[in-house]
Amino acid sequence: MEPEKPIVAESRVVCCDGGGGPLGHPNVYLRIGKEGEAVCPYCSRRFVLAEGADTAPAH
């Protein structure tokens, strides 16, 4: 199985619901850190920060 493409985010804080519907999971908010990506602990979706997006340092 081919891994899903990462979701490109415009902000360092993203929300994942697993795709919604009956196969989704509770909303979880993730912070994209210095490394430029975050992974959902429920469904393993990867979120990456868009180039030139929210360049404020992560806390």
PDB file of N, CA and C in Angstrom:
ATOM      1  N   MET A   1       0.841  -1.172   0.000  1.00  0.00           N
ATOM      2  CA  MET A   1       0.000   0.000   0.000  1.00  0.00           C
ATOM      3  C   MET A   1       0.893   1.244   0.000  1.00  0.00           C
ATOM      4  N   GLU A   2       0.569   2.188  -0.863  1.00  0.00           N
ATOM      5  CA  GLU A   2       1.331   3.424  -0.979  1.00  0.00           C
ATOM      6  C   GLU A   2       0.923   4.390   0.137  1.00  0.00           C
ATOM      7  N   PRO A   3       1.907   5.021   0.811  1.00  0.00           N
ATOM      8  CA  PRO A   3       1.559   5.952   1.881  1.00  0.00           C
ATOM      9  C   PRO A   3       0.819   7.168   1.332  1.00  0.00           C
ATOM     10  N   GLU A   4      -0.086   7.715   2.158  1.00  0.00           N
ATOM     11  CA  GLU A   4      -0.834   8.901   1.758  1.00  0.00           C
ATOM     12  C   GLU A   4       0.104  10.090   1.641  1.00  0.00           C
ATOM     13  N   LYS A   5      -0.235  10.993   0.731  1.00  0.00           N
ATOM     14  CA  LYS A   5       0.535  12.221   0.597  1.00  0.00           C
ATOM     15  C   LYS A   5       0.293  13.071   1.831  1.00  0.00           C
ATOM     16  N   PRO A   6       1.308  13.809   2.267  1.00  0.00           N
ATOM     17  CA  PRO A   6       1.113  14.677   3.431  1.00  0.00           C
ATOM     18  C   PRO A   6       0.140  15.807   3.093  1.00  0.00           C
ATOM     19  N   ILE A   7      -0.518  16.312   4.116  1.00  0.00           N
ATOM     20  CA  ILE A   7      -1.436  17.432   3.970  1.00  0.00           C
ATOM     21  C   ILE A   7      -0.630  18.704   4.198  1.00  0.00           C
ATOM     22  N   VAL A   8      -0.672  19.601   3.246  1.00  0.00           N
ATOM     23  CA  VAL A   8       0.080  20.855   3.331  1.00  0.00           C
ATOM     24  C   VAL A   8      -0.757  21.867   4.114  1.00  0.00           C
ATOM     25  N   ALA A   9      -0.166  22.425   5.174  1.00  0.00           N
ATOM     26  CA  ALA A   9      -0.869  23.354   6.058  1.00  0.00           C
ATOM     27  C   ALA A   9      -0.301  24.759   5.916  1.00  0.00           C
ATOM     28  N   GLU A  10      -1.148  25.748   6.059  1.00  0.00           N
ATOM     29  CA  GLU A  10      -0.746  27.149   5.985  1.00  0.00           C
ATOM     30  C   GLU A  10      -0.467  27.727   7.368  1.00  0.00           C
ATOM     31  N   SER A  11      -0.722  26.943   8.413  1.00  0.00           N
ATOM     32  CA  SER A  11      -0.569  27.399   9.789  1.00  0.00           C
ATOM     33  C   SER A  11       0.146  26.320  10.587  1.00  0.00           C
ATOM     34  N   ARG A  12       0.801  26.712  11.674  1.00  0.00           N
ATOM     35  CA  ARG A  12       1.501  25.736  12.518  1.00  0.00           C
ATOM     36  C   ARG A  12       0.555  24.895  13.376  1.00  0.00           C
ATOM     37  N   VAL A  13      -0.691  25.339  13.523  1.00  0.00           N
ATOM     38  CA  VAL A  13      -1.671  24.559  14.290  1.00  0.00           C
ATOM     39  C   VAL A  13      -2.684  23.986  13.312  1.00  0.00           C
ATOM     40  N   VAL A  14      -2.848  22.668  13.343  1.00  0.00           N
ATOM     41  CA  VAL A  14      -3.779  21.986  12.444  1.00  0.00           C
ATOM     42  C   VAL A  14      -4.718  21.106  13.255  1.00  0.00           C
ATOM     43  N   CYS A  15      -5.865  20.802  12.662  1.00  0.00           N
ATOM     44  CA  CYS A  15      -6.842  19.921  13.303  1.00  0.00           C
ATOM     45  C   CYS A  15      -7.027  18.701  12.413  1.00  0.00           C
ATOM     46  N   CYS A  16      -7.030  17.524  13.019  1.00  0.00           N
ATOM     47  CA  CYS A  16      -7.256  16.280  12.284  1.00  0.00           C
ATOM     48  C   CYS A  16      -8.466  15.571  12.878  1.00  0.00           C
ATOM     49  N   ASP A  17      -9.357  15.094  11.996  1.00  0.00           N
ATOM     50  CA  ASP A  17     -10.516  14.320  12.445  1.00  0.00           C
ATOM     51  C   ASP A  17     -10.542  12.945  11.792  1.00  0.00           C
ATOM     52  N   GLY A  18      -9.434  12.574  11.186  1.00  0.00           N
ATOM     53  CA  GLY A  18      -9.331  11.264  10.552  1.00  0.00           C
ATOM     54  C   GLY A  18     -10.090  11.155   9.244  1.00  0.00           C
ATOM     55  N   GLY A  19     -10.564  12.263   8.723  1.00  0.00           N
ATOM     56  CA  GLY A  19     -11.308  12.232   7.472  1.00  0.00           C
ATOM     57  C   GLY A  19     -12.801  12.336   7.689  1.00  0.00           C
ATOM     58  N   GLY A  20     -13.213  12.412   8.941  1.00  0.00           N
ATOM     59  CA  GLY A  20     -14.641  12.577   9.234  1.00  0.00           C
ATOM     60  C   GLY A  20     -15.445  11.319   8.963  1.00  0.00           C
ATOM     61  N   GLY A  21     -16.742  11.464   9.088  1.00  0.00           N
ATOM     62  CA  GLY A  21     -17.638  10.340   8.851  1.00  0.00           C
ATOM     63  C   GLY A  21     -17.445   9.227   9.863  1.00  0.00           C
ATOM     64  N   PRO A  22     -17.997   8.063   9.596  1.00  0.00           N
ATOM     65  CA  PRO A  22     -17.945   6.951  10.551  1.00  0.00           C
ATOM     66  C   PRO A  22     -16.539   6.380  10.760  1.00  0.00           C
ATOM     67  N   LEU A  23     -15.619   6.657   9.852  1.00  0.00           N
ATOM     68  CA  LEU A  23     -14.263   6.134   9.999  1.00  0.00           C
ATOM     69  C   LEU A  23     -13.314   7.153  10.626  1.00  0.00           C
ATOM     70  N   GLY A  24     -13.838   8.305  11.016  1.00  0.00           N
ATOM     71  CA  GLY A  24     -13.006   9.349  11.595  1.00  0.00           C
ATOM     72  C   GLY A  24     -12.679   9.077  13.055  1.00  0.00           C
ATOM     73  N   HIS A  25     -12.123  10.083  13.698  1.00  0.00           N
ATOM     74  CA  HIS A  25     -11.793  10.001  15.125  1.00  0.00           C
ATOM     75  C   HIS A  25     -12.057  11.360  15.745  1.00  0.00           C
ATOM     76  N   PRO A  26     -11.980  11.497  17.064  1.00  0.00           N
ATOM     77  CA  PRO A  26     -12.214  12.803  17.686  1.00  0.00           C
ATOM     78  C   PRO A  26     -11.226  13.834  17.141  1.00  0.00           C
ATOM     79  N   ASN A  27     -11.661  15.103  17.094  1.00  0.00           N
ATOM     80  CA  ASN A  27     -10.756  16.170  16.663  1.00  0.00           C
ATOM     81  C   ASN A  27      -9.541  16.212  17.574  1.00  0.00           C
ATOM     82  N   VAL A  28      -8.392  16.317  16.968  1.00  0.00           N
ATOM     83  CA  VAL A  28      -7.148  16.480  17.714  1.00  0.00           C
ATOM     84  C   VAL A  28      -6.383  17.625  17.043  1.00  0.00           C
ATOM     85  N   TYR A  29      -5.891  18.550  17.873  1.00  0.00           N
ATOM     86  CA  TYR A  29      -5.141  19.692  17.362  1.00  0.00           C
ATOM     87  C   TYR A  29      -3.657  19.405  17.523  1.00  0.00           C
ATOM     88  N   LEU A  30      -2.915  19.638  16.459  1.00  0.00           N
ATOM     89  CA  LEU A  30      -1.491  19.344  16.430  1.00  0.00           C
ATOM     90  C   LEU A  30      -0.720  20.614  16.115  1.00  0.00           C
ATOM     91  N   ARG A  31       0.458  20.739  16.681  1.00  0.00           N
ATOM     92  CA  ARG A  31       1.335  21.879  16.393  1.00  0.00           C
ATOM     93  C   ARG A  31       2.502  21.392  15.547  1.00  0.00           C
ATOM     94  N   ILE A  32       2.698  22.053  14.408  1.00  0.00           N
ATOM     95  CA  ILE A  32       3.826  21.737  13.538  1.00  0.00           C
ATOM     96  C   ILE A  32       5.045  22.439  14.122  1.00  0.00           C
ATOM     97  N   GLY A  33       6.029  21.661  14.513  1.00  0.00           N
ATOM     98  CA  GLY A  33       7.219  22.175  15.176  1.00  0.00           C
ATOM     99  C   GLY A  33       8.310  22.604  14.218  1.00  0.00           C
ATOM    100  N   LYS A  34       9.500  22.781  14.775  1.00  0.00           N
ATOM    101  CA  LYS A  34      10.667  23.242  14.014  1.00  0.00           C
ATOM    102  C   LYS A  34      10.989  22.337  12.832  1.00  0.00           C
ATOM    103  N   GLU A  35      10.713  21.050  12.992  1.00  0.00           N
ATOM    104  CA  GLU A  35      11.037  20.104  11.924  1.00  0.00           C
ATOM    105  C   GLU A  35      10.123  20.255  10.713  1.00  0.00           C
ATOM    106  N   GLY A  36       9.023  21.031  10.850  1.00  0.00           N
ATOM    107  CA  GLY A  36       8.160  21.321   9.713  1.00  0.00           C
ATOM    108  C   GLY A  36       7.064  20.316   9.458  1.00  0.00           C
ATOM    109  N   GLU A  37       6.855  19.369  10.383  1.00  0.00           N
ATOM    110  CA  GLU A  37       5.764  18.416  10.194  1.00  0.00           C
ATOM    111  C   GLU A  37       5.203  17.942  11.518  1.00  0.00           C
ATOM    112  N   ALA A  38       3.979  17.407  11.459  1.00  0.00           N
ATOM    113  CA  ALA A  38       3.316  16.816  12.623  1.00  0.00           C
ATOM    114  C   ALA A  38       2.590  15.565  12.139  1.00  0.00           C
ATOM    115  N   VAL A  39       2.482  14.568  13.018  1.00  0.00           N
ATOM    116  CA  VAL A  39       1.816  13.313  12.671  1.00  0.00           C
ATOM    117  C   VAL A  39       0.690  13.072  13.670  1.00  0.00           C
ATOM    118  N   CYS A  40      -0.498  12.761  13.157  1.00  0.00           N
ATOM    119  CA  CYS A  40      -1.658  12.507  14.011  1.00  0.00           C
ATOM    120  C   CYS A  40      -1.457  11.196  14.781  1.00  0.00           C
ATOM    121  N   PRO A  41      -1.655  11.229  16.110  1.00  0.00           N
ATOM    122  CA  PRO A  41      -1.471  10.006  16.890  1.00  0.00           C
ATOM    123  C   PRO A  41      -2.589   8.981  16.675  1.00  0.00           C
ATOM    124  N   TYR A  42      -3.719   9.402  16.136  1.00  0.00           N
ATOM    125  CA  TYR A  42      -4.834   8.471  15.891  1.00  0.00           C
ATOM    126  C   TYR A  42      -4.708   7.752  14.549  1.00  0.00           C
ATOM    127  N   CYS A  43      -4.492   8.527  13.480  1.00  0.00           N
ATOM    128  CA  CYS A  43      -4.564   7.931  12.141  1.00  0.00           C
ATOM    129  C   CYS A  43      -3.266   8.023  11.346  1.00  0.00           C
ATOM    130  N   SER A  44      -2.235   8.617  11.927  1.00  0.00           N
ATOM    131  CA  SER A  44      -0.910   8.737  11.311  1.00  0.00           C
ATOM    132  C   SER A  44      -0.857   9.638  10.084  1.00  0.00           C
ATOM    133  N   ARG A  45      -1.882  10.490   9.885  1.00  0.00           N
ATOM    134  CA  ARG A  45      -1.796  11.464   8.800  1.00  0.00           C
ATOM    135  C   ARG A  45      -0.644  12.401   9.084  1.00  0.00           C
ATOM    136  N   ARG A  46       0.073  12.764   8.004  1.00  0.00           N
ATOM    137  CA  ARG A  46       1.201  13.687   8.144  1.00  0.00           C
ATOM    138  C   ARG A  46       0.790  15.060   7.638  1.00  0.00           C
ATOM    139  N   PHE A  47       1.117  16.078   8.424  1.00  0.00           N
ATOM    140  CA  PHE A  47       0.867  17.465   8.057  1.00  0.00           C
ATOM    141  C   PHE A  47       2.220  18.140   7.924  1.00  0.00           C
ATOM    142  N   VAL A  48       2.421  18.865   6.817  1.00  0.00           N
ATOM    143  CA  VAL A  48       3.670  19.592   6.613  1.00  0.00           C
ATOM    144  C   VAL A  48       3.336  21.065   6.402  1.00  0.00           C
ATOM    145  N   LEU A  49       4.223  21.917   6.866  1.00  0.00           N
ATOM    146  CA  LEU A  49       4.026  23.349   6.739  1.00  0.00           C
ATOM    147  C   LEU A  49       4.367  23.787   5.321  1.00  0.00           C
ATOM    148  N   ALA A  50       3.456  24.544   4.709  1.00  0.00           N
ATOM    149  CA  ALA A  50       3.676  25.033   3.351  1.00  0.00           C
ATOM    150  C   ALA A  50       4.865  25.974   3.327  1.00  0.00           C
ATOM    151  N   GLU A  51       5.593  25.962   2.239  1.00  0.00           N
ATOM    152  CA  GLU A  51       6.740  26.847   2.081  1.00  0.00           C
ATOM    153  C   GLU A  51       6.270  28.298   2.148  1.00  0.00           C
ATOM    154  N   GLY A  52       6.906  29.083   3.000  1.00  0.00           N
ATOM    155  CA  GLY A  52       6.552  30.487   3.146  1.00  0.00           C
ATOM    156  C   GLY A  52       5.369  30.739   4.074  1.00  0.00           C
ATOM    157  N   ALA A  53       4.766  29.688   4.622  1.00  0.00           N
ATOM    158  CA  ALA A  53       3.627  29.836   5.531  1.00  0.00           C
ATOM    159  C   ALA A  53       4.115  30.199   6.921  1.00  0.00           C
ATOM    160  N   ASP A  54       3.234  30.622   7.749  1.00  0.00           N
ATOM    161  CA  ASP A  54       3.457  30.947   9.168  1.00  0.00           C
ATOM    162  C   ASP A  54       4.873  30.644   9.634  1.00  0.00           C
ATOM    163  N   THR A  55       5.769  31.578   9.435  1.00  0.00           N
ATOM    164  CA  THR A  55       7.173  31.337   9.777  1.00  0.00           C
ATOM    165  C   THR A  55       7.524  31.746  11.198  1.00  0.00           C
ATOM    166  N   ALA A  56       6.516  32.122  11.999  1.00  0.00           N
ATOM    167  CA  ALA A  56       6.787  32.432  13.405  1.00  0.00           C
ATOM    168  C   ALA A  56       7.313  31.178  14.087  1.00  0.00           C
ATOM    169  N   PRO A  57       8.247  31.316  15.014  1.00  0.00           N
ATOM    170  CA  PRO A  57       8.801  30.131  15.665  1.00  0.00           C
ATOM    171  C   PRO A  57       7.751  29.365  16.453  1.00  0.00           C
ATOM    172  N   ALA A  58       7.850  28.058  16.441  1.00  0.00           N
ATOM    173  CA  ALA A  58       6.941  27.206  17.225  1.00  0.00           C
ATOM    174  C   ALA A  58       7.330  27.289  18.685  1.00  0.00           C
ATOM    175  N   HIS A  59       6.356  27.275  19.562  1.00  0.00           N
ATOM    176  CA  HIS A  59       6.611  27.340  21.015  1.00  0.00           C
ATOM    177  C   HIS A  59       6.635  25.967  21.621  1.00  0.00           C
TER     178      HIS A  59
END
